[in-house]
Protein backbone atom coordinates (compact mmCIF):
# COMPACT_ATOMS: atom_id res chain seq x y z
CA MET A 1 -20.84 4.05 -22.79
CA THR A 2 -17.94 1.71 -21.93
CA ASP A 3 -16.97 1.02 -18.10
CA GLY A 4 -13.60 2.41 -18.68
CA CYS A 5 -10.12 1.35 -19.09
CA PHE A 6 -9.21 -0.06 -15.57
CA ARG A 7 -10.53 -2.66 -13.51
CA LYS A 8 -11.63 -2.02 -10.06
CA ILE A 9 -9.59 -4.12 -7.56
CA ILE A 10 -11.33 -4.92 -4.20
CA ARG A 11 -8.94 -5.82 -1.49
CA GLU A 12 -10.44 -7.79 1.20
CA VAL A 13 -7.67 -6.96 3.80
CA GLU A 14 -8.32 -5.39 7.09
CA PRO A 15 -6.21 -2.47 8.43
CA ASP A 16 -3.37 -3.19 10.41
CA TYR A 17 -3.27 -1.71 13.77
CA SER A 18 -0.21 -3.44 15.32
CA ASN A 19 2.19 -0.54 14.70
CA PRO A 20 1.93 2.44 16.97
CA ALA A 21 3.72 4.78 14.39
CA PHE A 22 0.77 4.51 11.78
CA ILE A 23 -2.08 2.39 10.75
CA ASN A 24 -1.70 0.65 7.35
CA ASP A 25 -4.96 0.51 5.41
CA PRO A 26 -4.29 -1.53 2.33
CA LYS A 27 -7.64 -0.06 1.04
CA LYS A 28 -6.36 3.56 1.13
CA CYS A 29 -3.14 3.00 -0.45
CA VAL A 30 -2.30 4.20 -3.63
CA LEU A 31 1.34 2.77 -4.09
CA CYS A 32 2.95 6.25 -4.08
CA GLY A 33 5.72 5.05 -1.83
CA ARG A 34 5.75 8.27 0.31
CA CYS A 35 5.37 6.37 3.56
CA ILE A 36 8.70 4.14 2.60
CA TRP A 37 10.67 7.23 1.56
CA VAL A 38 10.06 8.86 4.87
CA CYS A 39 11.01 5.98 7.03
CA ARG A 40 14.11 5.42 5.04
CA GLU A 41 15.25 8.96 4.13
CA ARG A 42 13.99 10.72 7.17
CA LEU A 43 13.78 8.52 9.93
CA ASN A 44 16.53 6.09 8.96
CA LYS A 45 14.21 3.25 9.34
CA ASN A 46 14.26 0.31 6.74
CA MET A 47 10.91 -1.02 8.23
CA LEU A 48 8.38 -0.79 5.01
CA GLY A 49 8.85 -1.88 1.47
CA PHE A 50 6.52 -2.79 -1.53
CA VAL A 51 5.15 -6.47 -1.68
CA HIS A 52 2.83 -7.72 -4.02
CA ARG A 53 2.67 -4.39 -6.01
CA GLY A 54 0.59 -4.13 -9.20
CA VAL A 55 -2.35 -6.14 -10.57
CA VAL A 56 -0.66 -9.54 -11.24
CA THR A 57 1.06 -10.45 -8.41
CA GLY A 58 -0.73 -13.78 -7.56
CA TRP A 59 -2.86 -12.99 -4.54
């Protein structure tokens, strides 16, 4: 049996508690973009965005 098609990527990044509006935990993020959409469209705030998105990003 094979291990599958996808590599498991473990991010050694601690959750960020600095923002009172939400907790940023990169280990739980699936890069869906919902948090970014809500901030931009519903709250009219441009305070979130994608950085280092994907497997080959250099970090």
